[in-house]
Amino acid sequence: MGRRASVAGATLVFCSLVYVGAHSYQGMRAESEKPPAAALEFLGAWGIRGDGPGELQDPVSIATDTLGNIYIADAATRFVHKFSPQGTPLLTFQEDPLKHPQSITVDTGGAIYVTDPVRESVFVCFPGDKDRYRELKLKLRASKENLLSVAVAADGLIFVLDSDAGKLFTFSSRLRLQQSWNPPMNASGPRNHPSAVAIGPDYSLYIADPTDGRILRFTTERQFVSEFTAGTGSMGGKLSDEFAVSKNFLFVMDVDGRMLHVRTPDGQSKLDVDLAPELGQAPRRPPPIAASPRGELLVLDESAARVLRYRINF
C-alpha cells in the first residue's frame, strides 16, 4: 500500500513537472513569436493648444536637458516652457526683452539659451535666480526672417550661427567673443548660407546646408570632417535644417517634412523611416526634433501644437 502510494505520488510529481514544462515552453514560444519592436517605436503624443502656462500656441523649437526634461520656445506667447519627459508642465516663464524666441538649447548646468533675431541677441536664462537672465548682444541685421541657431558645448563654449550673414560665432561662457568664421558652402546660389548648428558629445560641430540638402561636420578648430546626405536609397530626398545629434547617431528630417533619416557619425545610413502615420500626409515644413538621453526621439508637431514621442530601439 505504501509502495503504491509512493509510486502514485512520484507519477503525480512527474506529471506536474511535464505540465509546468509544457506551459513554460508554450509561454517561451509565444514570447518568441511576438513581432520585434519597430526600430523607431511610436509611444504617443502630448500637448495642449492655448496661450497659457504649459500650453502651446506657436511652438518653434525644442530641446532636452541631461535628465530628459523638455524645453519648448513659443513664438506667439513668448513663453519658454519646461516639461517632464512624459509631458507634465513643470515651468513657464517670460522675459520682457525677449520679443521673438526662436532657437532653444540647454547646457549641462541647466541654463536655457534662447535666440531672438529681432532683438539681435541670445538670452541665457536662469529661472528662479535673482539675476534671471543675461543677454548676449550680437551685431546683426534685426529681422524676424533671419535664422539664429545656438548650441552649447559641455565645456561652456557657446556657438551662435547667423544665417543671414553666413557666420558662426564662438563665445566663452562669460559671453566674450572668441572667434567668428564663415563655414564653407557650395556656390550653388547667392543665398546659400548655413541655417542651423548643433554640437555632438565628441565636440564635433554639425552645420546645416539647406540649399544642397546636407549636414556638414567640423571640428571646433574649423576643420572639415565629413558630410551627410539623404542618400540614394531615400527616394531622392534632401536633408532639411531640422536635426538632432545623440551620442551615436545623427537624426535629421527630410525637406518633405515627413521622412526621418538616421545616420551614424561616419555617415553610414542606419534608418530611413516615414513619420506620416503620426504627422499626416499633408505637405508641411520639417518639424523640429530633439534626441533625449532617455533613448527617445521627440518631434515637435508645430501645426497640431503637440510633441510626438518615439522610443529608439537600436
C-alpha atoms as a PDB file:
ATOM      1  CA  MET A   1       0.000   0.000   0.000  1.00  0.00           C
ATOM      2  CA  GLY A   2       2.719   2.457   0.961  1.00  0.00           C
ATOM      3  CA  ARG A   3       4.704   1.477  -2.113  1.00  0.00           C
ATOM      4  CA  ARG A   4       1.704   2.076  -4.386  1.00  0.00           C
ATOM      5  CA  ALA A   5       1.177   5.468  -2.736  1.00  0.00           C
ATOM      6  CA  SER A   6       4.823   6.347  -3.356  1.00  0.00           C
ATOM      7  CA  VAL A   7       4.565   5.354  -6.998  1.00  0.00           C
ATOM      8  CA  ALA A   8       1.356   7.356  -7.364  1.00  0.00           C
ATOM      9  CA  GLY A   9       2.993  10.365  -5.733  1.00  0.00           C
ATOM     10  CA  ALA A  10       6.028  10.131  -7.993  1.00  0.00           C
ATOM     11  CA  THR A  11       3.737   9.857 -11.017  1.00  0.00           C
ATOM     12  CA  LEU A  12       1.826  12.960  -9.865  1.00  0.00           C
ATOM     13  CA  VAL A  13       5.046  14.931  -9.410  1.00  0.00           C
ATOM     14  CA  PHE A  14       6.281  13.814 -12.829  1.00  0.00           C
ATOM     15  CA  CYS A  15       3.001  14.821 -14.497  1.00  0.00           C
ATOM     16  CA  SER A  16       3.100  18.188 -12.739  1.00  0.00           C
ATOM     17  CA  LEU A  17       6.633  18.817 -13.972  1.00  0.00           C
ATOM     18  CA  VAL A  18       5.626  17.842 -17.504  1.00  0.00           C
ATOM     19  CA  TYR A  19       2.600  20.197 -17.278  1.00  0.00           C
ATOM     20  CA  VAL A  20       4.674  23.098 -15.972  1.00  0.00           C
ATOM     21  CA  GLY A  21       7.410  22.450 -18.505  1.00  0.00           C
ATOM     22  CA  ALA A  22       4.940  22.314 -21.370  1.00  0.00           C
ATOM     23  CA  HIS A  23       3.320  25.577 -20.339  1.00  0.00           C
ATOM     24  CA  SER A  24       6.712  27.215 -19.844  1.00  0.00           C
ATOM     25  CA  TYR A  25       7.690  26.090 -23.328  1.00  0.00           C
ATOM     26  CA  GLN A  26       4.434  27.411 -24.767  1.00  0.00           C
ATOM     27  CA  GLY A  27       4.991  30.718 -22.966  1.00  0.00           C
ATOM     28  CA  MET A  28       8.540  30.971 -24.292  1.00  0.00           C
ATOM     29  CA  ARG A  29       7.301  30.068 -27.766  1.00  0.00           C
ATOM     30  CA  ALA A  30       4.563  32.713 -27.609  1.00  0.00           C
ATOM     31  CA  GLU A  31       7.107  35.260 -26.409  1.00  0.00           C
ATOM     32  CA  SER A  32       9.497  34.365 -29.234  1.00  0.00           C
ATOM     33  CA  GLU A  33       6.672  34.625 -31.782  1.00  0.00           C
ATOM     34  CA  LYS A  34       5.897  38.248 -30.820  1.00  0.00           C
ATOM     35  CA  PRO A  35       6.860  40.607 -33.622  1.00  0.00           C
ATOM     36  CA  PRO A  36      10.043  42.554 -32.840  1.00  0.00           C
ATOM     37  CA  ALA A  37       9.615  46.171 -31.791  1.00  0.00           C
ATOM     38  CA  ALA A  38       9.962  48.732 -34.555  1.00  0.00           C
ATOM     39  CA  ALA A  39      13.339  50.415 -34.810  1.00  0.00           C
ATOM     40  CA  LEU A  40      11.541  53.681 -34.073  1.00  0.00           C
ATOM     41  CA  GLU A  41       8.540  52.864 -31.887  1.00  0.00           C
ATOM     42  CA  PHE A  42       5.760  55.445 -31.535  1.00  0.00           C
ATOM     43  CA  LEU A  43       4.886  55.897 -27.838  1.00  0.00           C
ATOM     44  CA  GLY A  44       2.231  58.608 -28.060  1.00  0.00           C
ATOM     45  CA  ALA A  45       1.801  62.371 -28.091  1.00  0.00           C
ATOM     46  CA  TRP A  46       1.126  65.158 -25.621  1.00  0.00           C
ATOM     47  CA  GLY A  47       0.408  68.872 -25.757  1.00  0.00           C
ATOM     48  CA  ILE A  48      -2.487  71.284 -25.211  1.00  0.00           C
ATOM     49  CA  ARG A  49      -3.175  74.183 -27.573  1.00  0.00           C
ATOM     50  CA  GLY A  50      -3.590  77.506 -25.798  1.00  0.00           C
ATOM     51  CA  ASP A  51      -1.855  80.674 -24.710  1.00  0.00           C
ATOM     52  CA  GLY A  52      -1.429  79.915 -21.016  1.00  0.00           C
ATOM     53  CA  PRO A  53       1.359  78.350 -18.951  1.00  0.00           C
ATOM     54  CA  GLY A  54       2.111  74.821 -20.111  1.00  0.00           C
ATOM     55  CA  GLU A  55       0.098  75.345 -23.326  1.00  0.00           C
ATOM     56  CA  LEU A  56       1.423  75.605 -26.886  1.00  0.00           C
ATOM     57  CA  GLN A  57       0.268  78.236 -29.369  1.00  0.00           C
ATOM     58  CA  ASP A  58       3.087  78.563 -31.918  1.00  0.00           C
ATOM     59  CA  PRO A  59       5.910  76.267 -30.741  1.00  0.00           C
ATOM     60  CA  VAL A  60       9.035  76.799 -32.836  1.00  0.00           C
ATOM     61  CA  SER A  61      11.898  74.878 -31.214  1.00  0.00           C
ATOM     62  CA  ILE A  62      12.542  72.017 -28.806  1.00  0.00           C
ATOM     63  CA  ALA A  63      15.460  70.822 -26.663  1.00  0.00           C
ATOM     64  CA  THR A  64      16.172  68.431 -23.784  1.00  0.00           C
ATOM     65  CA  ASP A  65      18.450  68.528 -20.761  1.00  0.00           C
ATOM     66  CA  THR A  66      20.625  65.783 -19.274  1.00  0.00           C
ATOM     67  CA  LEU A  67      17.656  64.399 -17.305  1.00  0.00           C
ATOM     68  CA  GLY A  68      15.373  64.202 -20.320  1.00  0.00           C
ATOM     69  CA  ASN A  69      13.231  67.216 -19.401  1.00  0.00           C
ATOM     70  CA  ILE A  70      11.877  69.021 -22.458  1.00  0.00           C
ATOM     71  CA  TYR A  71      12.070  72.731 -23.290  1.00  0.00           C
ATOM     72  CA  ILE A  72       9.959  74.485 -25.912  1.00  0.00           C
ATOM     73  CA  ALA A  73      10.069  78.098 -27.129  1.00  0.00           C
ATOM     74  CA  ASP A  74       6.726  79.554 -28.273  1.00  0.00           C
ATOM     75  CA  ALA A  75       6.894  82.480 -30.716  1.00  0.00           C
ATOM     76  CA  ALA A  76       3.253  83.544 -30.280  1.00  0.00           C
ATOM     77  CA  THR A  77       3.168  83.841 -26.474  1.00  0.00           C
ATOM     78  CA  ARG A  78       6.924  84.448 -25.973  1.00  0.00           C
ATOM     79  CA  PHE A  79       6.757  81.725 -23.333  1.00  0.00           C
ATOM     80  CA  VAL A  80       9.589  79.327 -22.610  1.00  0.00           C
ATOM     81  CA  HIS A  81       8.151  76.059 -21.277  1.00  0.00           C
ATOM     82  CA  LYS A  82       9.736  73.200 -19.367  1.00  0.00           C
ATOM     83  CA  PHE A  83       8.048  69.774 -19.299  1.00  0.00           C
ATOM     84  CA  SER A  84       8.843  66.435 -17.711  1.00  0.00           C
ATOM     85  CA  PRO A  85       9.865  63.578 -20.052  1.00  0.00           C
ATOM     86  CA  GLN A  86       6.205  62.475 -20.029  1.00  0.00           C
ATOM     87  CA  GLY A  87       4.912  65.955 -20.906  1.00  0.00           C
ATOM     88  CA  THR A  88       3.844  67.240 -17.482  1.00  0.00           C
ATOM     89  CA  PRO A  89       4.265  71.058 -17.303  1.00  0.00           C
ATOM     90  CA  LEU A  90       6.995  71.979 -14.819  1.00  0.00           C
ATOM     91  CA  LEU A  91       7.783  75.635 -15.532  1.00  0.00           C
ATOM     92  CA  THR A  92       6.714  78.509 -17.777  1.00  0.00           C
ATOM     93  CA  PHE A  93       8.354  81.922 -17.885  1.00  0.00           C
ATOM     94  CA  GLN A  94       8.735  85.057 -19.992  1.00  0.00           C
ATOM     95  CA  GLU A  95      11.424  87.700 -20.149  1.00  0.00           C
ATOM     96  CA  ASP A  96      10.170  91.141 -21.209  1.00  0.00           C
ATOM     97  CA  PRO A  97      13.086  91.899 -23.571  1.00  0.00           C
ATOM     98  CA  LEU A  98      12.604  88.569 -25.380  1.00  0.00           C
ATOM     99  CA  LYS A  99      10.464  89.565 -28.366  1.00  0.00           C
ATOM    100  CA  HIS A 100      10.760  86.706 -30.849  1.00  0.00           C
ATOM    101  CA  PRO A 101      12.044  83.427 -29.351  1.00  0.00           C
ATOM    102  CA  GLN A 102      13.469  81.138 -31.987  1.00  0.00           C
ATOM    103  CA  SER A 103      16.177  78.520 -31.330  1.00  0.00           C
ATOM    104  CA  ILE A 104      16.498  76.932 -27.875  1.00  0.00           C
ATOM    105  CA  THR A 105      19.078  74.757 -26.133  1.00  0.00           C
ATOM    106  CA  VAL A 106      20.113  73.850 -22.570  1.00  0.00           C
ATOM    107  CA  ASP A 107      23.607  73.461 -21.128  1.00  0.00           C
ATOM    108  CA  THR A 108      24.782  70.801 -18.660  1.00  0.00           C
ATOM    109  CA  GLY A 109      24.197  73.168 -15.728  1.00  0.00           C
ATOM    110  CA  GLY A 110      20.553  73.803 -16.619  1.00  0.00           C
ATOM    111  CA  ALA A 111      20.883  77.304 -18.114  1.00  0.00           C
ATOM    112  CA  ILE A 112      18.465  77.879 -21.005  1.00  0.00           C
ATOM    113  CA  TYR A 113      19.629  79.629 -24.188  1.00  0.00           C
ATOM    114  CA  VAL A 114      17.066  81.264 -26.491  1.00  0.00           C
ATOM    115  CA  THR A 115      17.854  83.247 -29.645  1.00  0.00           C
ATOM    116  CA  ASP A 116      15.935  86.364 -30.697  1.00  0.00           C
ATOM    117  CA  PRO A 117      16.704  87.670 -34.224  1.00  0.00           C
ATOM    118  CA  VAL A 118      14.529  90.752 -33.668  1.00  0.00           C
ATOM    119  CA  ARG A 119      16.468  91.710 -30.546  1.00  0.00           C
ATOM    120  CA  GLU A 120      19.739  90.534 -32.191  1.00  0.00           C
ATOM    121  CA  SER A 121      20.507  88.591 -29.030  1.00  0.00           C
ATOM    122  CA  VAL A 122      20.859  85.283 -27.294  1.00  0.00           C
ATOM    123  CA  PHE A 123      19.192  85.195 -23.877  1.00  0.00           C
ATOM    124  CA  VAL A 124      20.817  82.981 -21.250  1.00  0.00           C
ATOM    125  CA  CYS A 125      18.085  82.298 -18.694  1.00  0.00           C
ATOM    126  CA  PHE A 126      18.394  81.088 -15.097  1.00  0.00           C
ATOM    127  CA  PRO A 127      14.810  80.594 -13.869  1.00  0.00           C
ATOM    128  CA  GLY A 128      14.494  81.061 -10.120  1.00  0.00           C
ATOM    129  CA  ASP A 129      17.753  83.008  -9.731  1.00  0.00           C
ATOM    130  CA  LYS A 130      17.872  86.633  -8.630  1.00  0.00           C
ATOM    131  CA  ASP A 131      19.609  87.540 -11.887  1.00  0.00           C
ATOM    132  CA  ARG A 132      17.232  85.626 -14.111  1.00  0.00           C
ATOM    133  CA  TYR A 133      18.974  86.161 -17.403  1.00  0.00           C
ATOM    134  CA  ARG A 134      21.973  87.570 -19.239  1.00  0.00           C
ATOM    135  CA  GLU A 135      21.742  88.970 -22.747  1.00  0.00           C
ATOM    136  CA  LEU A 136      24.384  88.195 -25.338  1.00  0.00           C
ATOM    137  CA  LYS A 137      24.115  91.079 -27.823  1.00  0.00           C
ATOM    138  CA  LEU A 138      25.102  90.452 -31.425  1.00  0.00           C
ATOM    139  CA  LYS A 139      25.825  92.947 -34.191  1.00  0.00           C
ATOM    140  CA  LEU A 140      23.368  91.605 -36.748  1.00  0.00           C
ATOM    141  CA  ARG A 141      20.602  92.743 -39.044  1.00  0.00           C
ATOM    142  CA  ALA A 142      17.471  92.752 -36.921  1.00  0.00           C
ATOM    143  CA  SER A 143      14.918  90.673 -38.807  1.00  0.00           C
ATOM    144  CA  LYS A 144      12.239  88.158 -37.872  1.00  0.00           C
ATOM    145  CA  GLU A 145      13.098  86.262 -41.079  1.00  0.00           C
ATOM    146  CA  ASN A 146      16.732  85.761 -40.096  1.00  0.00           C
ATOM    147  CA  LEU A 147      17.658  82.412 -38.568  1.00  0.00           C
ATOM    148  CA  LEU A 148      19.704  82.412 -35.372  1.00  0.00           C
ATOM    149  CA  SER A 149      20.717  78.987 -34.108  1.00  0.00           C
ATOM    150  CA  VAL A 150      22.534  78.287 -30.829  1.00  0.00           C
ATOM    151  CA  ALA A 151      24.458  75.307 -29.441  1.00  0.00           C
ATOM    152  CA  VAL A 152      26.432  74.947 -26.201  1.00  0.00           C
ATOM    153  CA  ALA A 153      29.309  72.538 -25.579  1.00  0.00           C
ATOM    154  CA  ALA A 154      29.891  70.692 -22.324  1.00  0.00           C
ATOM    155  CA  ASP A 155      32.834  72.988 -21.551  1.00  0.00           C
ATOM    156  CA  GLY A 156      30.603  76.078 -21.765  1.00  0.00           C
ATOM    157  CA  LEU A 157      31.560  77.333 -25.234  1.00  0.00           C
ATOM    158  CA  ILE A 158      28.615  78.950 -26.993  1.00  0.00           C
ATOM    159  CA  PHE A 159      28.164  78.677 -30.756  1.00  0.00           C
ATOM    160  CA  VAL A 160      25.774  81.068 -32.495  1.00  0.00           C
ATOM    161  CA  LEU A 161      25.042  80.692 -36.203  1.00  0.00           C
ATOM    162  CA  ASP A 162      23.785  83.794 -38.016  1.00  0.00           C
ATOM    163  CA  SER A 163      22.236  82.521 -41.236  1.00  0.00           C
ATOM    164  CA  ASP A 164      21.772  85.944 -42.781  1.00  0.00           C
ATOM    165  CA  ALA A 165      25.493  86.713 -42.512  1.00  0.00           C
ATOM    166  CA  GLY A 166      26.560  83.103 -43.047  1.00  0.00           C
ATOM    167  CA  LYS A 167      28.770  83.276 -39.950  1.00  0.00           C
ATOM    168  CA  LEU A 168      29.351  81.095 -36.925  1.00  0.00           C
ATOM    169  CA  PHE A 169      30.367  82.933 -33.743  1.00  0.00           C
ATOM    170  CA  THR A 170      32.087  81.287 -30.775  1.00  0.00           C
ATOM    171  CA  PHE A 171      31.708  82.831 -27.314  1.00  0.00           C
ATOM    172  CA  SER A 172      33.188  81.886 -23.972  1.00  0.00           C
ATOM    173  CA  SER A 173      30.947  81.006 -21.027  1.00  0.00           C
ATOM    174  CA  ARG A 174      31.409  84.648 -19.959  1.00  0.00           C
ATOM    175  CA  LEU A 175      29.832  85.762 -23.260  1.00  0.00           C
ATOM    176  CA  ARG A 176      33.095  87.039 -24.725  1.00  0.00           C
ATOM    177  CA  LEU A 177      33.611  86.638 -28.464  1.00  0.00           C
ATOM    178  CA  GLN A 178      36.491  84.277 -29.226  1.00  0.00           C
ATOM    179  CA  GLN A 179      36.253  83.828 -32.974  1.00  0.00           C
ATOM    180  CA  SER A 180      33.953  84.006 -35.998  1.00  0.00           C
ATOM    181  CA  TRP A 181      34.163  82.287 -39.369  1.00  0.00           C
ATOM    182  CA  ASN A 182      32.172  81.522 -42.492  1.00  0.00           C
ATOM    183  CA  PRO A 183      31.558  77.778 -42.864  1.00  0.00           C
ATOM    184  CA  PRO A 184      32.303  76.878 -46.500  1.00  0.00           C
ATOM    185  CA  MET A 185      29.179  76.241 -48.562  1.00  0.00           C
ATOM    186  CA  ASN A 186      28.859  75.136 -52.169  1.00  0.00           C
ATOM    187  CA  ALA A 187      28.467  78.104 -54.525  1.00  0.00           C
ATOM    188  CA  SER A 188      25.065  76.984 -55.807  1.00  0.00           C
ATOM    189  CA  GLY A 189      23.151  80.159 -55.037  1.00  0.00           C
ATOM    190  CA  PRO A 190      23.523  83.721 -53.789  1.00  0.00           C
ATOM    191  CA  ARG A 191      21.712  82.905 -50.510  1.00  0.00           C
ATOM    192  CA  ASN A 192      23.383  79.593 -49.862  1.00  0.00           C
ATOM    193  CA  HIS A 193      24.025  80.184 -46.176  1.00  0.00           C
ATOM    194  CA  PRO A 194      24.150  77.709 -43.266  1.00  0.00           C
ATOM    195  CA  SER A 195      20.972  77.742 -41.208  1.00  0.00           C
ATOM    196  CA  ALA A 196      21.406  75.642 -38.058  1.00  0.00           C
ATOM    197  CA  VAL A 197      24.137  74.393 -35.741  1.00  0.00           C
ATOM    198  CA  ALA A 198      24.410  71.616 -33.153  1.00  0.00           C
ATOM    199  CA  ILE A 199      27.306  70.117 -31.235  1.00  0.00           C
ATOM    200  CA  GLY A 200      27.856  66.429 -30.630  1.00  0.00           C
ATOM    201  CA  PRO A 201      29.189  64.748 -27.488  1.00  0.00           C
ATOM    202  CA  ASP A 202      32.569  64.392 -29.237  1.00  0.00           C
ATOM    203  CA  TYR A 203      32.656  68.202 -29.704  1.00  0.00           C
ATOM    204  CA  SER A 204      32.031  67.917 -33.433  1.00  0.00           C
ATOM    205  CA  LEU A 205      30.075  70.814 -34.926  1.00  0.00           C
ATOM    206  CA  TYR A 206      27.182  69.909 -37.212  1.00  0.00           C
ATOM    207  CA  ILE A 207      26.038  72.666 -39.581  1.00  0.00           C
ATOM    208  CA  ALA A 208      23.053  72.530 -41.940  1.00  0.00           C
ATOM    209  CA  ASP A 209      23.497  73.463 -45.599  1.00  0.00           C
ATOM    210  CA  PRO A 210      19.826  73.659 -46.639  1.00  0.00           C
ATOM    211  CA  THR A 211      20.394  74.653 -50.263  1.00  0.00           C
ATOM    212  CA  ASP A 212      22.293  71.467 -51.056  1.00  0.00           C
ATOM    213  CA  GLY A 213      20.310  69.390 -48.556  1.00  0.00           C
ATOM    214  CA  ARG A 214      23.169  68.152 -46.417  1.00  0.00           C
ATOM    215  CA  ILE A 215      24.693  68.383 -42.937  1.00  0.00           C
ATOM    216  CA  LEU A 216      28.379  69.266 -42.631  1.00  0.00           C
ATOM    217  CA  ARG A 217      30.559  68.092 -39.771  1.00  0.00           C
ATOM    218  CA  PHE A 218      33.543  70.099 -38.497  1.00  0.00           C
ATOM    219  CA  THR A 219      35.875  70.055 -35.544  1.00  0.00           C
ATOM    220  CA  THR A 220      35.692  73.033 -33.184  1.00  0.00           C
ATOM    221  CA  GLU A 221      39.001  74.107 -34.809  1.00  0.00           C
ATOM    222  CA  ARG A 222      37.015  74.542 -38.078  1.00  0.00           C
ATOM    223  CA  GLN A 223      38.438  71.508 -39.839  1.00  0.00           C
ATOM    224  CA  PHE A 224      36.017  69.736 -42.182  1.00  0.00           C
ATOM    225  CA  VAL A 225      35.382  66.100 -41.208  1.00  0.00           C
ATOM    226  CA  SER A 226      32.515  64.738 -43.307  1.00  0.00           C
ATOM    227  CA  GLU A 227      29.102  65.435 -44.776  1.00  0.00           C
ATOM    228  CA  PHE A 228      25.729  63.724 -44.512  1.00  0.00           C
ATOM    229  CA  THR A 229      23.130  63.468 -47.286  1.00  0.00           C
ATOM    230  CA  ALA A 230      19.768  61.777 -47.709  1.00  0.00           C
ATOM    231  CA  GLY A 231      21.425  59.079 -49.810  1.00  0.00           C
ATOM    232  CA  THR A 232      20.449  57.313 -52.997  1.00  0.00           C
ATOM    233  CA  GLY A 233      18.082  54.916 -51.252  1.00  0.00           C
ATOM    234  CA  SER A 234      15.741  57.573 -49.839  1.00  0.00           C
ATOM    235  CA  MET A 235      13.626  58.318 -52.928  1.00  0.00           C
ATOM    236  CA  GLY A 236      15.688  61.347 -53.907  1.00  0.00           C
ATOM    237  CA  GLY A 237      15.053  63.302 -50.730  1.00  0.00           C
ATOM    238  CA  LYS A 238      17.095  66.165 -49.316  1.00  0.00           C
ATOM    239  CA  LEU A 239      18.061  66.831 -45.745  1.00  0.00           C
ATOM    240  CA  SER A 240      16.492  69.827 -44.031  1.00  0.00           C
ATOM    241  CA  ASP A 241      17.947  72.029 -41.299  1.00  0.00           C
ATOM    242  CA  GLU A 242      15.878  70.341 -38.588  1.00  0.00           C
ATOM    243  CA  PHE A 243      18.204  67.815 -36.968  1.00  0.00           C
ATOM    244  CA  ALA A 244      19.425  66.466 -33.638  1.00  0.00           C
ATOM    245  CA  VAL A 245      22.642  64.779 -32.505  1.00  0.00           C
ATOM    246  CA  SER A 246      22.899  61.997 -29.921  1.00  0.00           C
ATOM    247  CA  LYS A 247      25.875  60.001 -28.679  1.00  0.00           C
ATOM    248  CA  ASN A 248      25.698  57.514 -31.525  1.00  0.00           C
ATOM    249  CA  PHE A 249      23.502  58.978 -34.246  1.00  0.00           C
ATOM    250  CA  LEU A 250      22.501  61.984 -36.296  1.00  0.00           C
ATOM    251  CA  PHE A 251      18.727  62.375 -36.730  1.00  0.00           C
ATOM    252  CA  VAL A 252      17.589  64.708 -39.492  1.00  0.00           C
ATOM    253  CA  MET A 253      14.249  65.424 -41.147  1.00  0.00           C
ATOM    254  CA  ASP A 254      13.831  65.384 -44.896  1.00  0.00           C
ATOM    255  CA  VAL A 255      12.690  68.566 -46.657  1.00  0.00           C
ATOM    256  CA  ASP A 256       9.371  66.819 -47.328  1.00  0.00           C
ATOM    257  CA  GLY A 257       8.574  67.237 -43.617  1.00  0.00           C
ATOM    258  CA  ARG A 258       7.751  63.561 -43.049  1.00  0.00           C
ATOM    259  CA  MET A 259      10.771  61.329 -43.744  1.00  0.00           C
ATOM    260  CA  LEU A 260      13.326  60.895 -40.962  1.00  0.00           C
ATOM    261  CA  HIS A 261      16.905  59.924 -41.806  1.00  0.00           C
ATOM    262  CA  VAL A 262      19.244  58.408 -39.208  1.00  0.00           C
ATOM    263  CA  ARG A 263      22.991  58.342 -39.821  1.00  0.00           C
ATOM    264  CA  THR A 264      25.994  57.107 -37.850  1.00  0.00           C
ATOM    265  CA  PRO A 265      28.824  59.569 -37.069  1.00  0.00           C
ATOM    266  CA  ASP A 266      30.827  58.192 -40.007  1.00  0.00           C
ATOM    267  CA  GLY A 267      27.942  58.879 -42.404  1.00  0.00           C
ATOM    268  CA  GLN A 268      26.515  55.381 -42.754  1.00  0.00           C
ATOM    269  CA  SER A 269      22.762  55.060 -43.200  1.00  0.00           C
ATOM    270  CA  LYS A 270      21.099  53.465 -40.164  1.00  0.00           C
ATOM    271  CA  LEU A 271      17.432  54.091 -40.876  1.00  0.00           C
ATOM    272  CA  ASP A 272      15.046  55.953 -43.172  1.00  0.00           C
ATOM    273  CA  VAL A 273      11.508  55.986 -41.815  1.00  0.00           C
ATOM    274  CA  ASP A 274       8.321  57.779 -42.830  1.00  0.00           C
ATOM    275  CA  LEU A 275       6.592  59.574 -39.925  1.00  0.00           C
ATOM    276  CA  ALA A 276       3.470  60.293 -41.980  1.00  0.00           C
ATOM    277  CA  PRO A 277       1.345  57.798 -39.978  1.00  0.00           C
ATOM    278  CA  GLU A 278       1.650  60.148 -36.985  1.00  0.00           C
ATOM    279  CA  LEU A 279       2.313  63.506 -38.688  1.00  0.00           C
ATOM    280  CA  GLY A 280      -0.142  63.090 -41.557  1.00  0.00           C
ATOM    281  CA  GLN A 281       0.283  63.137 -45.331  1.00  0.00           C
ATOM    282  CA  ALA A 282      -0.333  66.861 -45.871  1.00  0.00           C
ATOM    283  CA  PRO A 283       2.648  68.962 -47.008  1.00  0.00           C
ATOM    284  CA  ARG A 284       4.406  70.600 -44.080  1.00  0.00           C
ATOM    285  CA  ARG A 285       7.644  72.284 -43.144  1.00  0.00           C
ATOM    286  CA  PRO A 286      10.109  69.886 -41.477  1.00  0.00           C
ATOM    287  CA  PRO A 287       9.318  69.647 -37.743  1.00  0.00           C
ATOM    288  CA  PRO A 288      11.954  70.482 -35.117  1.00  0.00           C
ATOM    289  CA  ILE A 289      13.310  67.390 -33.341  1.00  0.00           C
ATOM    290  CA  ALA A 290      15.352  66.571 -30.238  1.00  0.00           C
ATOM    291  CA  ALA A 291      17.147  63.405 -29.106  1.00  0.00           C
ATOM    292  CA  SER A 292      16.561  62.670 -25.422  1.00  0.00           C
ATOM    293  CA  PRO A 293      19.225  60.975 -23.245  1.00  0.00           C
ATOM    294  CA  ARG A 294      16.397  58.637 -22.198  1.00  0.00           C
ATOM    295  CA  GLY A 295      16.618  56.932 -25.601  1.00  0.00           C
ATOM    296  CA  GLU A 296      13.702  58.789 -27.167  1.00  0.00           C
ATOM    297  CA  LEU A 297      13.260  60.975 -30.217  1.00  0.00           C
ATOM    298  CA  LEU A 298      10.936  63.962 -29.744  1.00  0.00           C
ATOM    299  CA  VAL A 299       9.199  65.510 -32.755  1.00  0.00           C
ATOM    300  CA  LEU A 300       7.583  68.944 -32.388  1.00  0.00           C
ATOM    301  CA  ASP A 301       4.396  68.876 -34.470  1.00  0.00           C
ATOM    302  CA  GLU A 302       4.000  72.638 -34.711  1.00  0.00           C
ATOM    303  CA  SER A 303       0.725  72.701 -36.639  1.00  0.00           C
ATOM    304  CA  ALA A 304      -1.006  70.493 -34.053  1.00  0.00           C
ATOM    305  CA  ALA A 305       0.763  72.074 -31.046  1.00  0.00           C
ATOM    306  CA  ARG A 306       1.945  68.726 -29.693  1.00  0.00           C
ATOM    307  CA  VAL A 307       5.047  66.616 -29.144  1.00  0.00           C
ATOM    308  CA  LEU A 308       5.364  63.106 -30.584  1.00  0.00           C
ATOM    309  CA  ARG A 309       7.428  60.580 -28.609  1.00  0.00           C
ATOM    310  CA  TYR A 310       9.338  57.707 -30.203  1.00  0.00           C
ATOM    311  CA  ARG A 311      11.450  55.066 -28.490  1.00  0.00           C
ATOM    312  CA  ILE A 312      14.771  54.420 -30.237  1.00  0.00           C
ATOM    313  CA  ASN A 313      15.237  50.619 -30.378  1.00  0.00           C
ATOM    314  CA  PHE A 314      18.696  50.461 -31.949  1.00  0.00           C
END
